[in-house]
Amino acid sequence: MTRIGLLSDTHAFWDEKYLHYFESCDEIWHAGDIGSVEVAEKLAAFRPLRAVYGNIDGQEIRKMFPQVNRFTVDGAEVLMKHIGGYPGNYDASIKGSLMVRPPKLFISGHSHILKVKFDRTLNMLHINPGAAGLSGFHKVRTMIRFVIDNGEFKDLEVIELAG
């Protein structure tokens, strides 16, 4: 069983609530637009960090993290890319990879819109955790916690960051 804390689109904004809400997590995943090395380093110092770079991330972040990250955790293959779209409307830059070899979980960010949706066509869960930072049009900052247990996803929680 692996407990995951998932966030995206921090845009260089740091909030101590990230650590508070991810205290029970084994790993932290960031779906891009990290915005600063400092944010990445603080998250990585707290828990193991898996991440991808986003469209606003500079060369330092791009050297630290890939554009696409495919990995397996607790029996579940995961594919993460910042700009990825969603079921029925995947971005052209990742659609081929998803169709050829769908993971069990596809994670994207970019839209600042929290979305959890199962793609029946690809038999794959899609999660976009929304935006945890201040920059953007979103009115509520969000993150997600969930559990992967033997390839199954459980106990998904949406966290709204107020204030």
N, C-alpha and C. Protein backbone atom coordinates (compact mmCIF):
# COMPACT_ATOMS: atom_id res chain seq x y z
N MET A 1 0.85 -1.19 0.00
CA MET A 1 0.00 0.00 0.00
C MET A 1 0.90 1.25 0.00
N THR A 2 0.62 2.15 -0.93
CA THR A 2 1.39 3.39 -1.04
C THR A 2 0.43 4.56 -1.03
N ARG A 3 0.67 5.50 -0.12
CA ARG A 3 -0.17 6.70 0.00
C ARG A 3 0.48 7.83 -0.81
N ILE A 4 -0.32 8.43 -1.69
CA ILE A 4 0.17 9.44 -2.62
C ILE A 4 -0.46 10.80 -2.32
N GLY A 5 0.38 11.84 -2.35
CA GLY A 5 -0.09 13.22 -2.34
C GLY A 5 0.16 13.80 -3.72
N LEU A 6 -0.87 14.31 -4.36
CA LEU A 6 -0.78 14.77 -5.74
C LEU A 6 -1.17 16.24 -5.84
N LEU A 7 -0.30 17.03 -6.50
CA LEU A 7 -0.63 18.43 -6.73
C LEU A 7 -0.06 18.86 -8.08
N SER A 8 -0.47 20.03 -8.51
CA SER A 8 -0.02 20.58 -9.78
C SER A 8 -0.10 22.09 -9.74
N ASP A 9 0.54 22.72 -10.69
CA ASP A 9 0.40 24.15 -10.92
C ASP A 9 0.58 25.00 -9.66
N THR A 10 1.72 24.78 -8.98
CA THR A 10 2.05 25.61 -7.84
C THR A 10 2.58 26.97 -8.29
N HIS A 11 3.14 27.04 -9.49
CA HIS A 11 3.63 28.31 -10.06
C HIS A 11 4.51 29.08 -9.08
N ALA A 12 5.45 28.37 -8.43
CA ALA A 12 6.43 28.93 -7.50
C ALA A 12 5.83 29.35 -6.16
N PHE A 13 4.56 29.11 -5.94
CA PHE A 13 3.94 29.47 -4.65
C PHE A 13 4.16 28.34 -3.65
N TRP A 14 4.65 28.69 -2.47
CA TRP A 14 4.83 27.70 -1.41
C TRP A 14 3.78 27.92 -0.33
N ASP A 15 3.18 26.83 0.13
CA ASP A 15 2.20 26.86 1.20
C ASP A 15 2.56 25.73 2.16
N GLU A 16 2.74 26.06 3.43
CA GLU A 16 3.07 25.04 4.44
C GLU A 16 1.97 23.97 4.54
N LYS A 17 0.78 24.29 4.05
CA LYS A 17 -0.31 23.31 4.07
C LYS A 17 0.00 22.10 3.20
N TYR A 18 0.86 22.26 2.20
CA TYR A 18 1.26 21.10 1.39
C TYR A 18 1.80 20.01 2.31
N LEU A 19 2.70 20.39 3.20
CA LEU A 19 3.32 19.42 4.11
C LEU A 19 2.31 18.89 5.12
N HIS A 20 1.46 19.76 5.62
CA HIS A 20 0.44 19.34 6.58
C HIS A 20 -0.47 18.25 5.98
N TYR A 21 -0.99 18.50 4.80
CA TYR A 21 -1.92 17.56 4.18
C TYR A 21 -1.23 16.32 3.62
N PHE A 22 0.05 16.41 3.34
CA PHE A 22 0.78 15.26 2.80
C PHE A 22 1.60 14.52 3.87
N GLU A 23 1.39 14.85 5.13
CA GLU A 23 2.10 14.21 6.23
C GLU A 23 1.95 12.70 6.20
N SER A 24 0.77 12.21 5.90
CA SER A 24 0.50 10.76 5.92
C SER A 24 0.92 10.07 4.62
N CYS A 25 1.44 10.82 3.66
CA CYS A 25 1.76 10.26 2.35
C CYS A 25 3.16 9.66 2.31
N ASP A 26 3.31 8.63 1.49
CA ASP A 26 4.61 8.01 1.27
C ASP A 26 5.40 8.70 0.16
N GLU A 27 4.68 9.23 -0.83
CA GLU A 27 5.30 9.93 -1.95
C GLU A 27 4.47 11.16 -2.30
N ILE A 28 5.12 12.14 -2.90
CA ILE A 28 4.44 13.32 -3.45
C ILE A 28 4.67 13.33 -4.94
N TRP A 29 3.62 13.58 -5.70
CA TRP A 29 3.70 13.68 -7.15
C TRP A 29 3.26 15.08 -7.56
N HIS A 30 4.03 15.70 -8.44
CA HIS A 30 3.70 17.05 -8.93
C HIS A 30 3.55 16.98 -10.45
N ALA A 31 2.38 17.38 -10.94
CA ALA A 31 2.05 17.26 -12.36
C ALA A 31 2.42 18.50 -13.17
N GLY A 32 3.46 19.20 -12.78
CA GLY A 32 4.01 20.27 -13.62
C GLY A 32 3.58 21.67 -13.29
N ASP A 33 4.28 22.63 -13.93
CA ASP A 33 4.22 24.05 -13.58
C ASP A 33 4.57 24.23 -12.11
N ILE A 34 5.71 23.66 -11.75
CA ILE A 34 6.24 23.77 -10.40
C ILE A 34 6.60 25.22 -10.14
N GLY A 35 7.32 25.82 -11.07
CA GLY A 35 7.58 27.25 -11.02
C GLY A 35 8.88 27.67 -10.38
N SER A 36 9.43 26.86 -9.47
CA SER A 36 10.71 27.21 -8.87
C SER A 36 11.40 25.97 -8.33
N VAL A 37 12.71 26.02 -8.35
CA VAL A 37 13.51 24.93 -7.79
C VAL A 37 13.23 24.81 -6.29
N GLU A 38 13.01 25.95 -5.63
CA GLU A 38 12.78 25.94 -4.18
C GLU A 38 11.55 25.11 -3.81
N VAL A 39 10.47 25.25 -4.56
CA VAL A 39 9.27 24.45 -4.29
C VAL A 39 9.57 22.97 -4.47
N ALA A 40 10.24 22.62 -5.55
CA ALA A 40 10.60 21.22 -5.79
C ALA A 40 11.49 20.68 -4.68
N GLU A 41 12.47 21.46 -4.26
CA GLU A 41 13.39 21.01 -3.21
C GLU A 41 12.70 20.83 -1.87
N LYS A 42 11.78 21.73 -1.53
CA LYS A 42 11.05 21.60 -0.26
C LYS A 42 10.18 20.35 -0.25
N LEU A 43 9.51 20.08 -1.37
CA LEU A 43 8.68 18.87 -1.46
C LEU A 43 9.56 17.62 -1.38
N ALA A 44 10.67 17.63 -2.11
CA ALA A 44 11.57 16.46 -2.16
C ALA A 44 12.25 16.22 -0.82
N ALA A 45 12.48 17.26 -0.05
CA ALA A 45 13.09 17.10 1.28
C ALA A 45 12.10 16.48 2.27
N PHE A 46 10.81 16.63 1.99
CA PHE A 46 9.76 16.13 2.88
C PHE A 46 9.41 14.68 2.60
N ARG A 47 9.24 14.35 1.32
CA ARG A 47 8.90 12.98 0.89
C ARG A 47 9.52 12.75 -0.49
N PRO A 48 9.70 11.49 -0.88
CA PRO A 48 10.16 11.24 -2.26
C PRO A 48 9.22 11.93 -3.25
N LEU A 49 9.82 12.60 -4.24
CA LEU A 49 9.05 13.40 -5.20
C LEU A 49 9.20 12.84 -6.60
N ARG A 50 8.07 12.62 -7.25
CA ARG A 50 8.03 12.30 -8.68
C ARG A 50 7.33 13.48 -9.33
N ALA A 51 7.87 13.94 -10.45
CA ALA A 51 7.29 15.14 -11.07
C ALA A 51 7.57 15.16 -12.56
N VAL A 52 6.88 16.06 -13.24
CA VAL A 52 7.15 16.40 -14.63
C VAL A 52 7.23 17.91 -14.71
N TYR A 53 7.92 18.40 -15.73
CA TYR A 53 7.93 19.85 -15.90
C TYR A 53 6.72 20.28 -16.72
N GLY A 54 6.33 21.54 -16.50
CA GLY A 54 5.20 22.10 -17.24
C GLY A 54 5.65 23.22 -18.15
N ASN A 55 4.71 23.81 -18.84
CA ASN A 55 5.02 24.82 -19.85
C ASN A 55 5.62 26.09 -19.27
N ILE A 56 5.41 26.41 -18.01
CA ILE A 56 6.00 27.63 -17.43
C ILE A 56 7.35 27.36 -16.78
N ASP A 57 7.72 26.09 -16.65
CA ASP A 57 8.95 25.75 -15.95
C ASP A 57 10.19 26.06 -16.79
N GLY A 58 11.18 26.67 -16.14
CA GLY A 58 12.42 27.04 -16.81
C GLY A 58 13.39 25.87 -16.92
N GLN A 59 14.58 26.18 -17.41
CA GLN A 59 15.59 25.15 -17.69
C GLN A 59 16.03 24.39 -16.44
N GLU A 60 16.10 25.06 -15.30
CA GLU A 60 16.51 24.36 -14.08
C GLU A 60 15.55 23.23 -13.74
N ILE A 61 14.27 23.52 -13.78
CA ILE A 61 13.25 22.49 -13.49
C ILE A 61 13.28 21.42 -14.57
N ARG A 62 13.44 21.82 -15.83
CA ARG A 62 13.46 20.86 -16.94
C ARG A 62 14.66 19.92 -16.85
N LYS A 63 15.73 20.35 -16.22
CA LYS A 63 16.88 19.46 -16.00
C LYS A 63 16.61 18.48 -14.86
N MET A 64 15.75 18.86 -13.93
CA MET A 64 15.44 18.03 -12.77
C MET A 64 14.40 16.95 -13.06
N PHE A 65 13.44 17.28 -13.94
CA PHE A 65 12.30 16.39 -14.18
C PHE A 65 12.02 16.24 -15.66
N PRO A 66 11.47 15.09 -16.07
CA PRO A 66 11.15 14.88 -17.48
C PRO A 66 9.84 15.55 -17.87
N GLN A 67 9.60 15.60 -19.16
CA GLN A 67 8.31 16.10 -19.65
C GLN A 67 7.22 15.04 -19.47
N VAL A 68 7.61 13.78 -19.65
CA VAL A 68 6.69 12.65 -19.48
C VAL A 68 7.36 11.69 -18.50
N ASN A 69 6.59 11.23 -17.53
CA ASN A 69 7.13 10.31 -16.53
C ASN A 69 6.22 9.08 -16.48
N ARG A 70 6.78 7.92 -16.82
CA ARG A 70 6.03 6.65 -16.75
C ARG A 70 6.73 5.78 -15.73
N PHE A 71 5.99 5.29 -14.75
CA PHE A 71 6.57 4.50 -13.68
C PHE A 71 5.49 3.58 -13.09
N THR A 72 5.92 2.63 -12.29
CA THR A 72 5.00 1.70 -11.64
C THR A 72 5.14 1.83 -10.14
N VAL A 73 4.00 1.93 -9.46
CA VAL A 73 3.96 2.00 -8.00
C VAL A 73 2.93 1.00 -7.51
N ASP A 74 3.36 0.12 -6.64
CA ASP A 74 2.46 -0.84 -5.99
C ASP A 74 1.53 -1.54 -6.99
N GLY A 75 2.09 -1.98 -8.10
CA GLY A 75 1.33 -2.74 -9.08
C GLY A 75 0.52 -1.94 -10.08
N ALA A 76 0.62 -0.61 -10.03
CA ALA A 76 -0.13 0.24 -10.96
C ALA A 76 0.84 1.04 -11.83
N GLU A 77 0.71 0.91 -13.15
CA GLU A 77 1.51 1.73 -14.04
C GLU A 77 0.88 3.12 -14.15
N VAL A 78 1.72 4.13 -14.03
CA VAL A 78 1.29 5.53 -14.02
C VAL A 78 2.01 6.27 -15.14
N LEU A 79 1.27 7.15 -15.81
CA LEU A 79 1.86 8.03 -16.82
C LEU A 79 1.46 9.46 -16.43
N MET A 80 2.46 10.34 -16.34
CA MET A 80 2.20 11.72 -15.94
C MET A 80 2.80 12.67 -16.98
N LYS A 81 1.98 13.65 -17.39
CA LYS A 81 2.42 14.70 -18.30
C LYS A 81 1.62 15.96 -17.99
N HIS A 82 2.28 17.11 -17.96
CA HIS A 82 1.59 18.33 -17.57
C HIS A 82 0.41 18.65 -18.49
N ILE A 83 0.66 18.75 -19.78
CA ILE A 83 -0.43 19.03 -20.73
C ILE A 83 -0.86 17.70 -21.33
N GLY A 84 -2.01 17.21 -20.90
CA GLY A 84 -2.43 15.88 -21.32
C GLY A 84 -3.87 15.78 -21.77
N GLY A 85 -4.68 16.78 -21.45
CA GLY A 85 -6.10 16.67 -21.78
C GLY A 85 -6.81 15.76 -20.81
N TYR A 86 -7.90 15.15 -21.29
CA TYR A 86 -8.73 14.30 -20.44
C TYR A 86 -9.50 13.33 -21.31
N PRO A 87 -10.13 12.32 -20.71
CA PRO A 87 -10.83 11.32 -21.51
C PRO A 87 -11.77 11.95 -22.55
N GLY A 88 -11.61 11.48 -23.77
CA GLY A 88 -12.40 12.00 -24.88
C GLY A 88 -11.76 13.18 -25.57
N ASN A 89 -10.73 13.77 -24.93
CA ASN A 89 -10.07 14.94 -25.51
C ASN A 89 -8.60 15.01 -25.06
N TYR A 90 -7.85 13.94 -25.30
CA TYR A 90 -6.44 13.93 -24.93
C TYR A 90 -5.64 14.83 -25.86
N ASP A 91 -4.60 15.44 -25.30
CA ASP A 91 -3.71 16.29 -26.08
C ASP A 91 -2.97 15.43 -27.10
N ALA A 92 -2.78 15.97 -28.30
CA ALA A 92 -2.13 15.24 -29.39
C ALA A 92 -0.72 14.77 -29.01
N SER A 93 -0.06 15.50 -28.11
CA SER A 93 1.31 15.17 -27.73
C SER A 93 1.43 13.89 -26.91
N ILE A 94 0.31 13.40 -26.36
CA ILE A 94 0.35 12.19 -25.52
C ILE A 94 -0.65 11.13 -25.97
N LYS A 95 -1.55 11.50 -26.82
CA LYS A 95 -2.62 10.60 -27.23
C LYS A 95 -2.09 9.27 -27.78
N GLY A 96 -1.07 9.32 -28.64
CA GLY A 96 -0.52 8.10 -29.22
C GLY A 96 0.00 7.15 -28.16
N SER A 97 0.74 7.66 -27.18
CA SER A 97 1.26 6.83 -26.09
C SER A 97 0.14 6.20 -25.28
N LEU A 98 -0.90 6.97 -25.03
CA LEU A 98 -2.04 6.45 -24.26
C LEU A 98 -2.76 5.33 -25.03
N MET A 99 -2.92 5.52 -26.32
CA MET A 99 -3.64 4.53 -27.12
C MET A 99 -2.83 3.24 -27.31
N VAL A 100 -1.53 3.38 -27.51
CA VAL A 100 -0.68 2.22 -27.76
C VAL A 100 -0.48 1.39 -26.49
N ARG A 101 -0.23 2.07 -25.38
CA ARG A 101 0.02 1.37 -24.12
C ARG A 101 -0.58 2.16 -22.96
N PRO A 102 -1.89 2.01 -22.74
CA PRO A 102 -2.53 2.78 -21.68
C PRO A 102 -2.03 2.35 -20.29
N PRO A 103 -1.71 3.29 -19.43
CA PRO A 103 -1.38 2.96 -18.05
C PRO A 103 -2.66 2.70 -17.27
N LYS A 104 -2.55 2.33 -16.01
CA LYS A 104 -3.74 2.23 -15.16
C LYS A 104 -4.20 3.61 -14.71
N LEU A 105 -3.22 4.55 -14.63
CA LEU A 105 -3.51 5.90 -14.17
C LEU A 105 -2.78 6.91 -15.04
N PHE A 106 -3.52 7.87 -15.56
CA PHE A 106 -2.94 8.98 -16.32
C PHE A 106 -3.17 10.26 -15.53
N ILE A 107 -2.09 10.99 -15.26
CA ILE A 107 -2.17 12.23 -14.49
C ILE A 107 -1.72 13.39 -15.37
N SER A 108 -2.50 14.45 -15.34
CA SER A 108 -2.11 15.68 -16.02
C SER A 108 -2.48 16.87 -15.16
N GLY A 109 -1.98 18.03 -15.55
CA GLY A 109 -2.30 19.28 -14.86
C GLY A 109 -2.75 20.29 -15.89
N HIS A 110 -2.20 21.49 -15.82
CA HIS A 110 -2.33 22.55 -16.82
C HIS A 110 -3.66 23.30 -16.81
N SER A 111 -4.77 22.61 -16.76
CA SER A 111 -6.07 23.28 -16.91
C SER A 111 -6.49 24.05 -15.65
N HIS A 112 -5.89 23.76 -14.50
CA HIS A 112 -6.27 24.32 -13.21
C HIS A 112 -7.66 23.86 -12.80
N ILE A 113 -8.20 22.86 -13.47
CA ILE A 113 -9.54 22.33 -13.17
C ILE A 113 -9.39 20.92 -12.63
N LEU A 114 -9.80 20.73 -11.38
CA LEU A 114 -9.74 19.40 -10.78
C LEU A 114 -10.72 18.47 -11.50
N LYS A 115 -10.21 17.30 -11.87
CA LYS A 115 -11.06 16.34 -12.57
C LYS A 115 -10.56 14.94 -12.28
N VAL A 116 -11.47 14.07 -11.89
CA VAL A 116 -11.19 12.65 -11.71
C VAL A 116 -12.21 11.91 -12.56
N LYS A 117 -11.73 11.19 -13.56
CA LYS A 117 -12.65 10.56 -14.50
C LYS A 117 -12.08 9.23 -14.98
N PHE A 118 -12.93 8.22 -15.05
CA PHE A 118 -12.49 6.92 -15.56
C PHE A 118 -12.76 6.87 -17.06
N ASP A 119 -11.72 6.49 -17.82
CA ASP A 119 -11.84 6.33 -19.26
C ASP A 119 -12.16 4.86 -19.55
N ARG A 120 -13.41 4.60 -19.86
CA ARG A 120 -13.85 3.22 -20.12
C ARG A 120 -13.21 2.64 -21.39
N THR A 121 -12.96 3.49 -22.36
CA THR A 121 -12.36 3.04 -23.61
C THR A 121 -10.96 2.46 -23.38
N LEU A 122 -10.17 3.13 -22.55
CA LEU A 122 -8.80 2.70 -22.30
C LEU A 122 -8.65 1.94 -20.97
N ASN A 123 -9.76 1.79 -20.24
CA ASN A 123 -9.73 1.12 -18.93
C ASN A 123 -8.67 1.76 -18.03
N MET A 124 -8.76 3.07 -17.91
CA MET A 124 -7.72 3.86 -17.25
C MET A 124 -8.36 4.99 -16.45
N LEU A 125 -7.82 5.24 -15.26
CA LEU A 125 -8.26 6.36 -14.45
C LEU A 125 -7.47 7.60 -14.84
N HIS A 126 -8.14 8.74 -14.96
CA HIS A 126 -7.47 10.01 -15.23
C HIS A 126 -7.70 10.93 -14.03
N ILE A 127 -6.60 11.57 -13.58
CA ILE A 127 -6.70 12.54 -12.49
C ILE A 127 -5.97 13.81 -12.88
N ASN A 128 -6.66 14.94 -12.72
CA ASN A 128 -6.03 16.26 -12.77
C ASN A 128 -6.32 16.88 -11.40
N PRO A 129 -5.28 17.15 -10.60
CA PRO A 129 -5.52 17.64 -9.23
C PRO A 129 -5.90 19.11 -9.13
N GLY A 130 -6.08 19.78 -10.26
CA GLY A 130 -6.37 21.21 -10.22
C GLY A 130 -5.09 21.99 -9.95
N ALA A 131 -5.20 23.15 -9.35
CA ALA A 131 -4.03 24.01 -9.10
C ALA A 131 -3.88 24.27 -7.61
N ALA A 132 -2.65 24.09 -7.11
CA ALA A 132 -2.36 24.33 -5.69
C ALA A 132 -1.75 25.71 -5.45
N GLY A 133 -1.39 26.41 -6.52
CA GLY A 133 -0.78 27.73 -6.40
C GLY A 133 -1.80 28.85 -6.53
N LEU A 134 -1.29 30.07 -6.56
CA LEU A 134 -2.16 31.25 -6.63
C LEU A 134 -2.38 31.75 -8.05
N SER A 135 -1.43 31.52 -8.95
CA SER A 135 -1.51 32.06 -10.31
C SER A 135 -2.54 31.30 -11.13
N GLY A 136 -3.40 32.04 -11.81
CA GLY A 136 -4.39 31.42 -12.67
C GLY A 136 -5.79 31.89 -12.37
N PHE A 137 -6.73 31.36 -13.11
CA PHE A 137 -8.11 31.80 -13.01
C PHE A 137 -8.92 31.03 -11.97
N HIS A 138 -8.39 29.94 -11.44
CA HIS A 138 -9.14 29.11 -10.51
C HIS A 138 -9.50 29.90 -9.24
N LYS A 139 -10.63 29.56 -8.67
CA LYS A 139 -11.09 30.24 -7.46
C LYS A 139 -10.74 29.45 -6.20
N VAL A 140 -10.57 28.15 -6.35
CA VAL A 140 -10.25 27.28 -5.22
C VAL A 140 -8.98 26.52 -5.54
N ARG A 141 -8.01 26.56 -4.62
CA ARG A 141 -6.79 25.78 -4.78
C ARG A 141 -7.05 24.36 -4.29
N THR A 142 -6.59 23.37 -5.08
CA THR A 142 -6.90 21.98 -4.74
C THR A 142 -5.68 21.08 -4.88
N MET A 143 -5.74 19.97 -4.14
CA MET A 143 -4.76 18.88 -4.21
C MET A 143 -5.55 17.58 -3.98
N ILE A 144 -4.88 16.46 -4.15
CA ILE A 144 -5.54 15.16 -3.98
C ILE A 144 -4.64 14.23 -3.19
N ARG A 145 -5.26 13.40 -2.36
CA ARG A 145 -4.58 12.28 -1.71
C ARG A 145 -5.31 11.01 -2.10
N PHE A 146 -4.54 9.94 -2.31
CA PHE A 146 -5.17 8.65 -2.59
C PHE A 146 -4.19 7.54 -2.25
N VAL A 147 -4.69 6.32 -2.31
CA VAL A 147 -3.90 5.14 -1.97
C VAL A 147 -3.84 4.22 -3.19
N ILE A 148 -2.67 3.65 -3.43
CA ILE A 148 -2.53 2.58 -4.41
C ILE A 148 -2.23 1.31 -3.62
N ASP A 149 -3.05 0.30 -3.81
CA ASP A 149 -2.91 -0.95 -3.07
C ASP A 149 -3.04 -2.11 -4.04
N ASN A 150 -1.91 -2.76 -4.34
CA ASN A 150 -1.93 -3.90 -5.27
C ASN A 150 -2.57 -3.55 -6.60
N GLY A 151 -2.24 -2.39 -7.15
CA GLY A 151 -2.74 -1.98 -8.45
C GLY A 151 -4.13 -1.37 -8.42
N GLU A 152 -4.72 -1.24 -7.26
CA GLU A 152 -6.06 -0.66 -7.12
C GLU A 152 -5.95 0.72 -6.48
N PHE A 153 -6.83 1.64 -6.87
CA PHE A 153 -6.85 2.99 -6.33
C PHE A 153 -7.98 3.09 -5.30
N LYS A 154 -7.66 3.65 -4.14
CA LYS A 154 -8.61 3.71 -3.02
C LYS A 154 -8.52 5.04 -2.30
N ASP A 155 -9.55 5.31 -1.54
CA ASP A 155 -9.55 6.40 -0.55
C ASP A 155 -9.13 7.75 -1.13
N LEU A 156 -9.61 8.08 -2.31
CA LEU A 156 -9.26 9.34 -2.95
C LEU A 156 -9.94 10.49 -2.20
N GLU A 157 -9.15 11.49 -1.83
CA GLU A 157 -9.65 12.66 -1.13
C GLU A 157 -9.28 13.91 -1.89
N VAL A 158 -10.23 14.81 -2.05
CA VAL A 158 -9.96 16.12 -2.63
C VAL A 158 -9.71 17.08 -1.46
N ILE A 159 -8.63 17.81 -1.53
CA ILE A 159 -8.27 18.79 -0.50
C ILE A 159 -8.42 20.18 -1.09
N GLU A 160 -9.23 21.00 -0.44
CA GLU A 160 -9.38 22.39 -0.84
C GLU A 160 -8.54 23.25 0.10
N LEU A 161 -7.67 24.07 -0.46
CA LEU A 161 -6.78 24.91 0.32
C LEU A 161 -7.38 26.31 0.40
N ALA A 162 -7.90 26.64 1.55
CA ALA A 162 -8.50 27.95 1.75
C ALA A 162 -7.47 28.92 2.32
N GLY A 163 -7.72 30.18 2.10
CA GLY A 163 -6.93 31.22 2.75
C GLY A 163 -5.63 31.53 2.10
